[in-house]
PDB file of N, CA and C in Angstrom:
ATOM      1  N   MET A   1     -22.541   1.663  -0.511  1.00  0.00           N
ATOM      2  CA  MET A   1     -22.223   3.267  -0.378  1.00  0.00           C
ATOM      3  C   MET A   1     -22.073   4.373   0.435  1.00  0.00           C
ATOM      4  N   ALA A   2     -21.103   5.347   0.720  1.00  0.00           N
ATOM      5  CA  ALA A   2     -21.219   6.259   1.580  1.00  0.00           C
ATOM      6  C   ALA A   2     -22.530   6.922   1.659  1.00  0.00           C
ATOM      7  N   LEU A   3     -22.654   7.109   3.143  1.00  0.00           N
ATOM      8  CA  LEU A   3     -23.751   7.953   3.325  1.00  0.00           C
ATOM      9  C   LEU A   3     -23.614   8.975   4.544  1.00  0.00           C
ATOM     10  N   CYS A   4     -23.705  10.217   4.130  1.00  0.00           N
ATOM     11  CA  CYS A   4     -23.764  11.551   5.193  1.00  0.00           C
ATOM     12  C   CYS A   4     -24.666  11.697   6.329  1.00  0.00           C
ATOM     13  N   VAL A   5     -23.959  11.805   7.159  1.00  0.00           N
ATOM     14  CA  VAL A   5     -25.269  11.727   8.809  1.00  0.00           C
ATOM     15  C   VAL A   5     -25.089  12.770   9.488  1.00  0.00           C
ATOM     16  N   ALA A   6     -25.800  13.175  10.380  1.00  0.00           N
ATOM     17  CA  ALA A   6     -25.442  14.048  11.378  1.00  0.00           C
ATOM     18  C   ALA A   6     -25.947  13.321  12.643  1.00  0.00           C
ATOM     19  N   LEU A   7     -25.459  13.652  13.587  1.00  0.00           N
ATOM     20  CA  LEU A   7     -25.514  13.112  15.407  1.00  0.00           C
ATOM     21  C   LEU A   7     -26.544  14.221  15.883  1.00  0.00           C
ATOM     22  N   GLN A   8     -27.294  13.948  15.961  1.00  0.00           N
ATOM     23  CA  GLN A   8     -28.651  14.377  17.134  1.00  0.00           C
ATOM     24  C   GLN A   8     -28.304  14.772  18.156  1.00  0.00           C
ATOM     25  N   PRO A   9     -28.755  15.497  18.967  1.00  0.00           N
ATOM     26  CA  PRO A   9     -28.729  15.477  20.726  1.00  0.00           C
ATOM     27  C   PRO A   9     -28.839  14.467  21.363  1.00  0.00           C
ATOM     28  N   ASP A  10     -29.796  13.756  20.881  1.00  0.00           N
ATOM     29  CA  ASP A  10     -30.670  12.551  21.417  1.00  0.00           C
ATOM     30  C   ASP A  10     -29.650  11.181  21.372  1.00  0.00           C
ATOM     31  N   GLY A  11     -28.259  11.573  20.342  1.00  0.00           N
ATOM     32  CA  GLY A  11     -27.527  10.393  19.865  1.00  0.00           C
ATOM     33  C   GLY A  11     -27.851   9.356  18.930  1.00  0.00           C
ATOM     34  N   THR A  12     -28.659  10.276  17.971  1.00  0.00           N
ATOM     35  CA  THR A  12     -29.164   9.329  16.646  1.00  0.00           C
ATOM     36  C   THR A  12     -28.697   9.387  15.920  1.00  0.00           C
ATOM     37  N   LEU A  13     -28.242   8.921  14.727  1.00  0.00           N
ATOM     38  CA  LEU A  13     -27.894   9.367  13.464  1.00  0.00           C
ATOM     39  C   LEU A  13     -28.720   9.721  12.409  1.00  0.00           C
ATOM     40  N   VAL A  14     -28.964  10.906  11.853  1.00  0.00           N
ATOM     41  CA  VAL A  14     -29.871  11.045  10.800  1.00  0.00           C
ATOM     42  C   VAL A  14     -29.205  11.737   9.520  1.00  0.00           C
ATOM     43  N   PRO A  15     -29.943  10.572   8.141  1.00  0.00           N
ATOM     44  CA  PRO A  15     -28.953  11.535   7.329  1.00  0.00           C
ATOM     45  C   PRO A  15     -29.561  13.074   6.817  1.00  0.00           C
ATOM     46  N   THR A  16     -28.488  13.516   6.098  1.00  0.00           N
ATOM     47  CA  THR A  16     -28.535  15.063   5.766  1.00  0.00           C
ATOM     48  C   THR A  16     -28.795  14.976   4.382  1.00  0.00           C
ATOM     49  N   GLY A  17     -28.283  14.081   3.420  1.00  0.00           N
ATOM     50  CA  GLY A  17     -28.735  14.511   2.173  1.00  0.00           C
ATOM     51  C   GLY A  17     -27.686  14.749   1.254  1.00  0.00           C
ATOM     52  N   GLN A  18     -26.574  15.243   1.930  1.00  0.00           N
ATOM     53  CA  GLN A  18     -25.451  15.921   1.244  1.00  0.00           C
ATOM     54  C   GLN A  18     -24.844  14.842   0.500  1.00  0.00           C
ATOM     55  N   ALA A  19     -23.812  15.563  -0.237  1.00  0.00           N
ATOM     56  CA  ALA A  19     -22.593  14.754  -0.975  1.00  0.00           C
ATOM     57  C   ALA A  19     -21.954  14.462   0.064  1.00  0.00           C
ATOM     58  N   VAL A  20     -21.351  13.069  -0.266  1.00  0.00           N
ATOM     59  CA  VAL A  20     -19.996  12.790   0.836  1.00  0.00           C
ATOM     60  C   VAL A  20     -18.615  13.566   0.675  1.00  0.00           C
ATOM     61  N   ASP A  21     -18.517  13.753  -0.761  1.00  0.00           N
ATOM     62  CA  ASP A  21     -17.238  15.007  -0.688  1.00  0.00           C
ATOM     63  C   ASP A  21     -17.436  16.247  -0.068  1.00  0.00           C
ATOM     64  N   ALA A  22     -19.043  16.494   0.068  1.00  0.00           N
ATOM     65  CA  ALA A  22     -19.183  18.434   0.827  1.00  0.00           C
ATOM     66  C   ALA A  22     -19.662  18.059   2.241  1.00  0.00           C
ATOM     67  N   CYS A  23     -19.890  16.765   2.722  1.00  0.00           N
ATOM     68  CA  CYS A  23     -20.913  16.065   4.170  1.00  0.00           C
ATOM     69  C   CYS A  23     -19.875  17.071   5.235  1.00  0.00           C
ATOM     70  N   THR A  24     -20.619  17.975   5.750  1.00  0.00           N
ATOM     71  CA  THR A  24     -20.019  18.608   7.383  1.00  0.00           C
ATOM     72  C   THR A  24     -20.239  17.959   8.252  1.00  0.00           C
ATOM     73  N   GLY A  25     -20.764  16.599   8.281  1.00  0.00           N
ATOM     74  CA  GLY A  25     -21.396  15.338   9.392  1.00  0.00           C
ATOM     75  C   GLY A  25     -20.100  14.445   9.362  1.00  0.00           C
ATOM     76  N   TYR A  26     -20.887  13.235   9.661  1.00  0.00           N
ATOM     77  CA  TYR A  26     -20.022  11.872   9.676  1.00  0.00           C
ATOM     78  C   TYR A  26     -20.191  11.397   8.625  1.00  0.00           C
ATOM     79  N   VAL A  27     -19.685  10.308   8.329  1.00  0.00           N
ATOM     80  CA  VAL A  27     -19.579   9.684   6.614  1.00  0.00           C
ATOM     81  C   VAL A  27     -19.483   8.326   7.148  1.00  0.00           C
ATOM     82  N   LEU A  28     -21.007   7.709   7.034  1.00  0.00           N
ATOM     83  CA  LEU A  28     -20.539   5.940   7.233  1.00  0.00           C
ATOM     84  C   LEU A  28     -20.509   5.487   5.869  1.00  0.00           C
ATOM     85  N   VAL A  29     -19.818   4.678   6.321  1.00  0.00           N
ATOM     86  CA  VAL A  29     -19.208   3.574   5.035  1.00  0.00           C
ATOM     87  C   VAL A  29     -19.565   1.866   5.251  1.00  0.00           C
ATOM     88  N   SER A  30     -20.164   1.488   4.389  1.00  0.00           N
ATOM     89  CA  SER A  30     -20.175  -0.209   4.472  1.00  0.00           C
ATOM     90  C   SER A  30     -18.912  -1.002   4.669  1.00  0.00           C
ATOM     91  N   SER A  31     -19.089  -2.150   5.346  1.00  0.00           N
ATOM     92  CA  SER A  31     -17.676  -2.897   5.908  1.00  0.00           C
ATOM     93  C   SER A  31     -16.840  -2.871   4.324  1.00  0.00           C
ATOM     94  N   SER A  32     -17.611  -3.162   3.101  1.00  0.00           N
ATOM     95  CA  SER A  32     -16.296  -3.478   2.087  1.00  0.00           C
ATOM     96  C   SER A  32     -15.774  -2.541   1.697  1.00  0.00           C
ATOM     97  N   GLU A  33     -16.582  -1.248   1.901  1.00  0.00           N
ATOM     98  CA  GLU A  33     -15.705   0.175   1.755  1.00  0.00           C
ATOM     99  C   GLU A  33     -14.688   0.211   2.678  1.00  0.00           C
ATOM    100  N   HIS A  34     -15.091  -0.218   3.806  1.00  0.00           N
ATOM    101  CA  HIS A  34     -13.940   0.499   4.877  1.00  0.00           C
ATOM    102  C   HIS A  34     -12.879  -0.767   5.109  1.00  0.00           C
ATOM    103  N   ALA A  35     -12.886  -2.188   4.634  1.00  0.00           N
ATOM    104  CA  ALA A  35     -12.018  -2.906   4.104  1.00  0.00           C
ATOM    105  C   ALA A  35     -10.804  -2.721   3.066  1.00  0.00           C
ATOM    106  N   VAL A  36     -11.415  -2.127   2.052  1.00  0.00           N
ATOM    107  CA  VAL A  36     -10.650  -1.246   0.813  1.00  0.00           C
ATOM    108  C   VAL A  36      -9.864  -0.617   1.290  1.00  0.00           C
ATOM    109  N   TYR A  37     -10.243   0.546   2.389  1.00  0.00           N
ATOM    110  CA  TYR A  37      -9.706   1.796   2.684  1.00  0.00           C
ATOM    111  C   TYR A  37      -8.522   0.931   4.024  1.00  0.00           C
ATOM    112  N   GLY A  38      -8.731   0.156   4.368  1.00  0.00           N
ATOM    113  CA  GLY A  38      -7.679  -0.886   5.078  1.00  0.00           C
ATOM    114  C   GLY A  38      -6.749  -1.275   4.271  1.00  0.00           C
ATOM    115  N   LEU A  39      -6.720  -1.912   3.118  1.00  0.00           N
ATOM    116  CA  LEU A  39      -5.927  -2.711   2.082  1.00  0.00           C
ATOM    117  C   LEU A  39      -5.155  -1.051   1.744  1.00  0.00           C
ATOM    118  N   ILE A  40      -5.837  -0.081   1.408  1.00  0.00           N
ATOM    119  CA  ILE A  40      -4.981   0.731   0.761  1.00  0.00           C
ATOM    120  C   ILE A  40      -4.011   1.447   1.581  1.00  0.00           C
ATOM    121  N   ASN A  41      -4.571   1.800   2.656  1.00  0.00           N
ATOM    122  CA  ASN A  41      -3.646   2.345   3.831  1.00  0.00           C
ATOM    123  C   ASN A  41      -2.841   1.337   4.062  1.00  0.00           C
ATOM    124  N   GLN A  42      -2.668  -0.113   4.141  1.00  0.00           N
ATOM    125  CA  GLN A  42      -1.586  -0.716   3.985  1.00  0.00           C
ATOM    126  C   GLN A  42      -0.541  -1.198   2.791  1.00  0.00           C
ATOM    127  N   ALA A  43      -1.316  -0.493   1.651  1.00  0.00           N
ATOM    128  CA  ALA A  43      -0.132  -1.247   0.452  1.00  0.00           C
ATOM    129  C   ALA A  43       0.789   0.587   0.163  1.00  0.00           C
ATOM    130  N   PHE A  44       0.112   1.536   0.955  1.00  0.00           N
ATOM    131  CA  PHE A  44       0.948   2.747   1.132  1.00  0.00           C
ATOM    132  C   PHE A  44       1.755   3.098   1.848  1.00  0.00           C
ATOM    133  N   ALA A  45       1.590   2.514   2.898  1.00  0.00           N
ATOM    134  CA  ALA A  45       1.904   2.858   4.165  1.00  0.00           C
ATOM    135  C   ALA A  45       3.723   2.912   4.295  1.00  0.00           C
ATOM    136  N   VAL A  46       4.441   3.530   5.022  1.00  0.00           N
ATOM    137  CA  VAL A  46       5.457   3.936   4.842  1.00  0.00           C
ATOM    138  C   VAL A  46       6.554   2.921   5.475  1.00  0.00           C
ATOM    139  N   PRO A  47       7.774   2.201   4.904  1.00  0.00           N
ATOM    140  CA  PRO A  47       8.126   0.842   5.313  1.00  0.00           C
ATOM    141  C   PRO A  47       8.841   1.390   6.477  1.00  0.00           C
ATOM    142  N   THR A  48       9.327   0.291   7.169  1.00  0.00           N
ATOM    143  CA  THR A  48       9.626   0.204   8.838  1.00  0.00           C
ATOM    144  C   THR A  48      10.984   0.454   8.023  1.00  0.00           C
ATOM    145  N   PRO A  49      12.329   1.272   9.147  1.00  0.00           N
ATOM    146  CA  PRO A  49      13.369   0.922   8.863  1.00  0.00           C
ATOM    147  C   PRO A  49      14.104  -0.655   8.294  1.00  0.00           C
ATOM    148  N   GLU A  50      13.204  -1.630   8.910  1.00  0.00           N
ATOM    149  CA  GLU A  50      13.827  -2.627   8.704  1.00  0.00           C
ATOM    150  C   GLU A  50      13.068  -3.210   7.578  1.00  0.00           C
ATOM    151  N   GLN A  51      11.774  -2.942   7.149  1.00  0.00           N
ATOM    152  CA  GLN A  51      11.623  -3.373   5.660  1.00  0.00           C
ATOM    153  C   GLN A  51      12.574  -3.201   4.759  1.00  0.00           C
ATOM    154  N   ALA A  52      12.822  -1.338   4.622  1.00  0.00           N
ATOM    155  CA  ALA A  52      13.550  -0.602   3.933  1.00  0.00           C
ATOM    156  C   ALA A  52      15.165  -1.166   3.980  1.00  0.00           C
ATOM    157  N   ALA A  53      15.298  -1.906   4.485  1.00  0.00           N
ATOM    158  CA  ALA A  53      16.765  -2.178   4.979  1.00  0.00           C
ATOM    159  C   ALA A  53      16.861  -3.700   3.906  1.00  0.00           C
ATOM    160  N   GLY A  54      15.717  -4.503   4.025  1.00  0.00           N
ATOM    161  CA  GLY A  54      15.847  -5.604   3.624  1.00  0.00           C
ATOM    162  C   GLY A  54      15.434  -5.548   2.188  1.00  0.00           C
ATOM    163  N   TRP A  55      14.834  -4.607   1.870  1.00  0.00           N
ATOM    164  CA  TRP A  55      14.427  -4.178   0.327  1.00  0.00           C
ATOM    165  C   TRP A  55      15.533  -3.752  -0.319  1.00  0.00           C
ATOM    166  N   PHE A  56      16.732  -2.894  -0.117  1.00  0.00           N
ATOM    167  CA  PHE A  56      18.130  -2.425  -0.366  1.00  0.00           C
ATOM    168  C   PHE A  56      19.168  -3.354  -0.315  1.00  0.00           C
ATOM    169  N   VAL A  57      19.252  -4.439   0.312  1.00  0.00           N
ATOM    170  CA  VAL A  57      20.160  -5.842   0.592  1.00  0.00           C
ATOM    171  C   VAL A  57      20.158  -6.886  -0.351  1.00  0.00           C
ATOM    172  N   GLY A  58      18.502  -6.886  -0.175  1.00  0.00           N
ATOM    173  CA  GLY A  58      17.971  -7.878  -1.351  1.00  0.00           C
ATOM    174  C   GLY A  58      17.973  -7.547  -2.715  1.00  0.00           C
ATOM    175  N   THR A  59      17.564  -6.301  -3.106  1.00  0.00           N
ATOM    176  CA  THR A  59      17.887  -5.872  -4.562  1.00  0.00           C
ATOM    177  C   THR A  59      19.359  -5.658  -4.967  1.00  0.00           C
ATOM    178  N   PHE A  60      19.985  -5.104  -4.167  1.00  0.00           N
ATOM    179  CA  PHE A  60      21.743  -4.888  -4.303  1.00  0.00           C
ATOM    180  C   PHE A  60      21.982  -6.915  -4.500  1.00  0.00           C
ATOM    181  N   GLY A  61      21.751  -7.382  -3.457  1.00  0.00           N
ATOM    182  CA  GLY A  61      22.210  -8.795  -3.557  1.00  0.00           C
ATOM    183  C   GLY A  61      22.088  -9.391  -4.467  1.00  0.00           C
ATOM    184  N   PHE A  62      21.002  -8.717  -5.705  1.00  0.00           N
ATOM    185  CA  PHE A  62      20.150  -9.642  -6.334  1.00  0.00           C
ATOM    186  C   PHE A  62      21.029  -9.363  -7.622  1.00  0.00           C
ATOM    187  N   VAL A  63      21.504  -7.756  -7.716  1.00  0.00           N
ATOM    188  CA  VAL A  63      22.577  -7.225  -8.800  1.00  0.00           C
ATOM    189  C   VAL A  63      23.736  -8.133  -8.741  1.00  0.00           C
ATOM    190  N   VAL A  64      24.109  -7.894  -8.131  1.00  0.00           N
ATOM    191  CA  VAL A  64      25.456  -8.473  -7.418  1.00  0.00           C
ATOM    192  C   VAL A  64      25.764  -9.844  -7.496  1.00  0.00           C
ATOM    193  N   THR A  65      25.039 -11.078  -7.600  1.00  0.00           N
ATOM    194  CA  THR A  65      24.493 -11.794  -7.912  1.00  0.00           C
ATOM    195  C   THR A  65      24.622 -12.213  -9.599  1.00  0.00           C
ATOM    196  N   MET A  66      23.496 -11.702  -9.840  1.00  0.00           N
ATOM    197  CA  MET A  66      23.434 -11.648 -11.396  1.00  0.00           C
ATOM    198  C   MET A  66      24.937 -11.278 -11.896  1.00  0.00           C
ATOM    199  N   TYR A  67      25.707 -10.465 -11.497  1.00  0.00           N
ATOM    200  CA  TYR A  67      26.709  -9.842 -12.326  1.00  0.00           C
ATOM    201  C   TYR A  67      27.781 -10.690 -11.997  1.00  0.00           C
ATOM    202  N   LEU A  68      28.018 -11.525 -10.843  1.00  0.00           N
ATOM    203  CA  LEU A  68      28.931 -12.825 -10.917  1.00  0.00           C
ATOM    204  C   LEU A  68      28.378 -13.989 -11.590  1.00  0.00           C
ATOM    205  N   VAL A  69      27.192 -14.178 -11.926  1.00  0.00           N
ATOM    206  CA  VAL A  69      27.264 -15.244 -12.780  1.00  0.00           C
ATOM    207  C   VAL A  69      27.533 -14.833 -14.022  1.00  0.00           C
ATOM    208  N   ALA A  70      27.189 -13.809 -14.573  1.00  0.00           N
ATOM    209  CA  ALA A  70      27.731 -13.469 -16.210  1.00  0.00           C
ATOM    210  C   ALA A  70      29.050 -13.674 -16.273  1.00  0.00           C
ATOM    211  N   ARG A  71      29.841 -13.077 -15.038  1.00  0.00           N
ATOM    212  CA  ARG A  71      31.271 -12.870 -15.100  1.00  0.00           C
ATOM    213  C   ARG A  71      31.350 -13.956 -15.440  1.00  0.00           C
ATOM    214  N   MET A  72      31.058 -15.074 -14.659  1.00  0.00           N
ATOM    215  CA  MET A  72      31.378 -16.294 -14.625  1.00  0.00           C
ATOM    216  C   MET A  72      31.527 -17.090 -15.752  1.00  0.00           C
ATOM    217  N   THR A  73      29.780 -16.785 -16.361  1.00  0.00           N
ATOM    218  CA  THR A  73      29.641 -17.449 -17.753  1.00  0.00           C
ATOM    219  C   THR A  73      30.237 -16.702 -18.772  1.00  0.00           C
ATOM    220  N   GLY A  74      30.959 -15.858 -18.583  1.00  0.00           N
ATOM    221  CA  GLY A  74      31.766 -15.250 -19.830  1.00  0.00           C
ATOM    222  C   GLY A  74      32.873 -15.506 -19.708  1.00  0.00           C
ATOM    223  N   ALA A  75      33.461 -16.097 -18.643  1.00  0.00           N
ATOM    224  CA  ALA A  75      34.876 -16.793 -18.471  1.00  0.00           C
ATOM    225  C   ALA A  75      34.820 -18.096 -18.820  1.00  0.00           C
ATOM    226  N   VAL A  76      33.755 -18.902 -18.732  1.00  0.00           N
ATOM    227  CA  VAL A  76      33.662 -20.066 -19.195  1.00  0.00           C
ATOM    228  C   VAL A  76      33.603 -19.594 -20.820  1.00  0.00           C
ATOM    229  N   ALA A  77      33.130 -19.065 -21.493  1.00  0.00           N
ATOM    230  CA  ALA A  77      32.768 -18.913 -22.490  1.00  0.00           C
ATOM    231  C   ALA A  77      33.797 -18.761 -23.268  1.00  0.00           C
ATOM    232  N   ASN A  78      34.809 -17.914 -23.031  1.00  0.00           N
ATOM    233  CA  ASN A  78      36.341 -17.087 -23.754  1.00  0.00           C
ATOM    234  C   ASN A  78      36.831 -18.062 -23.287  1.00  0.00           C
ATOM    235  N   PHE A  79      36.928 -19.172 -22.168  1.00  0.00           N
ATOM    236  CA  PHE A  79      37.286 -20.226 -22.721  1.00  0.00           C
ATOM    237  C   PHE A  79      37.673 -21.275 -23.646  1.00  0.00           C
ATOM    238  N   PHE A  80      36.494 -21.436 -24.216  1.00  0.00           N
ATOM    239  CA  PHE A  80      36.353 -21.829 -25.453  1.00  0.00           C
ATOM    240  C   PHE A  80      36.203 -21.087 -26.676  1.00  0.00           C
ATOM    241  N   HIS A  81      36.332 -19.761 -26.459  1.00  0.00           N
ATOM    242  CA  HIS A  81      36.514 -19.113 -27.615  1.00  0.00           C
ATOM    243  C   HIS A  81      37.787 -18.976 -28.190  1.00  0.00           C
TER     244      HIS A  81
END
């Protein structure tokens, strides 16, 4: 659970009692919360140009491959029609 704290002049942290969304000091989070924030940042990160190109080429290649398979299957089916 996150906790709002203030930094004292002697370097210690003191809880302020404020809600986390209205905190004017620092917010301390647990290690599990920090791990979740890291996963969310990775999931919604902007892809690199190489990743974006790979997604485009992979998707385009899949669509073209499925089209060619369907076209060949249709040609074989029409042969027996």
